[in-house]
């Protein structure tokens, strides 16, 4: 999606979205607006739990990919 469409969809300016995309400072309200507009959420957890959650998310993604492949193979089958 072009940046102008994404910015419009998220309710922010192209300049603000560009700053966020390039790792520049933006206020939290705008960052959360972009996350919401893109169907994403931010989860804040203690650092000690971050690695565990990353592993759990990777495992869940792999299970989803495997299920998708199985469904696709079944439909073609």
Protein backbone atom coordinates (compact mmCIF):
# COMPACT_ATOMS: atom_id res chain seq x y z
CA UNK A 1 0.00 0.00 0.00
CA UNK A 2 1.45 3.41 -0.89
CA UNK A 3 2.40 5.60 2.07
CA UNK A 4 -0.20 8.23 1.24
CA UNK A 5 -2.99 5.64 1.34
CA UNK A 6 -1.64 4.12 4.55
CA UNK A 7 -1.42 7.55 6.20
CA UNK A 8 -4.96 8.43 5.15
CA UNK A 9 -6.23 5.04 6.37
CA UNK A 10 -4.53 5.55 9.76
CA UNK A 11 -5.59 9.19 10.11
CA UNK A 12 -2.08 10.63 10.21
CA UNK A 13 0.01 12.75 7.86
CA UNK A 14 2.39 11.25 5.31
CA UNK A 15 5.26 13.07 7.04
CA UNK A 16 4.41 11.55 10.41
CA UNK A 17 4.11 8.06 8.95
CA UNK A 18 7.42 8.52 7.15
CA UNK A 19 9.08 9.56 10.42
CA UNK A 20 7.70 6.48 12.15
CA UNK A 21 8.76 4.23 9.29
CA UNK A 22 12.30 5.63 9.47
CA UNK A 23 12.63 5.26 13.23
CA UNK A 24 12.37 8.96 14.02
CA UNK A 25 10.61 10.22 17.12
CA UNK A 26 6.82 10.51 17.01
CA UNK A 27 4.40 10.93 19.86
CA UNK A 28 2.79 7.85 21.32
CA UNK A 29 -0.72 8.89 20.28
CA UNK A 30 0.28 8.92 16.61
CA UNK A 31 2.17 5.64 16.90
CA UNK A 32 -0.85 3.96 18.50
CA UNK A 33 -3.15 5.43 15.83
CA UNK A 34 -0.95 3.88 13.11
CA UNK A 35 -0.86 0.51 14.89
CA UNK A 36 -4.65 0.54 15.18
CA UNK A 37 -5.07 1.60 11.55
CA UNK A 38 -2.90 -1.31 10.44
CA UNK A 39 -4.76 -3.80 12.61
CA UNK A 40 -1.85 -4.17 15.05
CA UNK A 41 -1.51 -3.80 18.79
CA UNK A 42 1.36 -3.15 21.16
CA UNK A 43 1.90 -5.41 24.13
CA UNK A 44 4.05 -4.12 26.98
CA UNK A 45 5.57 -6.80 29.19
CA UNK A 46 8.47 -7.08 31.60
CA UNK A 47 11.78 -7.61 29.78
CA UNK A 48 12.21 -10.92 31.55
CA UNK A 49 9.13 -12.26 29.74
CA UNK A 50 9.95 -10.91 26.27
CA UNK A 51 12.04 -13.89 25.07
CA UNK A 52 9.40 -16.37 26.22
CA UNK A 53 6.66 -14.45 24.42
CA UNK A 54 8.76 -14.18 21.23
CA UNK A 55 9.23 -17.97 21.24
CA UNK A 56 5.51 -18.51 21.84
CA UNK A 57 4.61 -16.15 18.98
CA UNK A 58 7.05 -17.88 16.62
CA UNK A 59 5.60 -21.26 17.56
CA UNK A 60 2.04 -20.03 17.00
CA UNK A 61 3.02 -18.59 13.60
CA UNK A 62 4.59 -21.91 12.58
CA UNK A 63 1.47 -23.82 13.62
CA UNK A 64 -0.62 -21.40 11.55
CA UNK A 65 1.66 -21.83 8.52
CA UNK A 66 1.55 -25.62 8.83
CA UNK A 67 -2.25 -25.60 9.08
CA UNK A 68 -2.50 -23.29 6.07
CA UNK A 69 -0.26 -25.59 4.01
CA UNK A 70 -2.30 -28.64 5.00
CA UNK A 71 -5.57 -26.90 4.09
CA UNK A 72 -4.12 -25.75 0.75
CA UNK A 73 -2.88 -29.29 -0.06
CA UNK A 74 -6.28 -30.73 0.88
CA UNK A 75 -8.10 -28.27 -1.39
CA UNK A 76 -5.79 -29.09 -4.31
CA UNK A 77 -5.88 -32.81 -3.54
